């Protein structure tokens, strides 16, 4: 019998859908997070530089 839980019913299908829409997956393993602001610095800084032109 298959096991159904939040991961199989919600998290995994949502992640797959976002990947199909072109989003990138950011693992916590390689993340540089500012825990006061909850910002992924390794993603935020390059995106901000991209806006400057």
Protein backbone atom coordinates (compact mmCIF):
# COMPACT_ATOMS: atom_id res chain seq x y z
CA UNK A 1 0.00 0.00 0.00
CA UNK A 2 1.28 3.46 -0.88
CA UNK A 3 2.14 5.95 1.84
CA UNK A 4 0.54 9.36 1.41
CA UNK A 5 1.73 12.32 3.42
CA UNK A 6 2.36 16.04 3.01
CA UNK A 7 5.56 15.44 1.03
CA UNK A 8 3.97 13.12 -1.54
CA UNK A 9 0.71 15.06 -1.86
CA UNK A 10 1.91 18.69 -1.67
CA UNK A 11 5.63 19.45 -1.47
CA UNK A 12 7.01 17.24 -4.25
CA UNK A 13 4.28 18.04 -6.82
CA UNK A 14 4.59 21.77 -6.06
CA UNK A 15 8.38 21.65 -6.44
CA UNK A 16 8.07 19.82 -9.76
CA UNK A 17 5.55 22.37 -11.03
CA UNK A 18 7.79 25.32 -10.09
CA UNK A 19 10.77 23.67 -11.80
CA UNK A 20 8.68 23.24 -14.96
CA UNK A 21 7.83 26.96 -14.81
CA UNK A 22 11.52 27.81 -14.83
CA UNK A 23 12.30 28.34 -11.17
CA UNK A 24 15.58 27.06 -9.73
CA UNK A 25 15.70 24.83 -6.66
CA UNK A 26 17.85 26.17 -3.81
CA UNK A 27 19.02 23.52 -1.40
CA UNK A 28 19.73 24.46 2.20
CA UNK A 29 22.98 22.51 1.88
CA UNK A 30 24.71 25.16 -0.27
CA UNK A 31 22.75 28.16 0.97
CA UNK A 32 24.22 31.31 2.51
CA UNK A 33 21.27 32.50 4.60
CA UNK A 34 20.90 35.65 6.69
CA UNK A 35 18.65 34.27 9.41
CA UNK A 36 17.55 37.71 10.62
CA UNK A 37 15.99 38.55 7.26
CA UNK A 38 15.56 34.97 5.90
CA UNK A 39 17.28 36.05 2.66
CA UNK A 40 19.38 33.65 0.61
CA UNK A 41 22.40 35.91 0.15
CA UNK A 42 24.03 33.76 -2.54
CA UNK A 43 20.89 34.30 -4.68
CA UNK A 44 19.95 37.83 -3.61
CA UNK A 45 23.23 39.64 -4.20
CA UNK A 46 23.69 38.49 -7.84
CA UNK A 47 20.06 39.31 -8.58
CA UNK A 48 20.50 42.78 -7.10
CA UNK A 49 23.66 43.33 -9.15
CA UNK A 50 21.70 42.28 -12.23
CA UNK A 51 19.17 45.05 -11.58
CA UNK A 52 21.89 47.71 -11.39
CA UNK A 53 22.76 46.99 -15.00
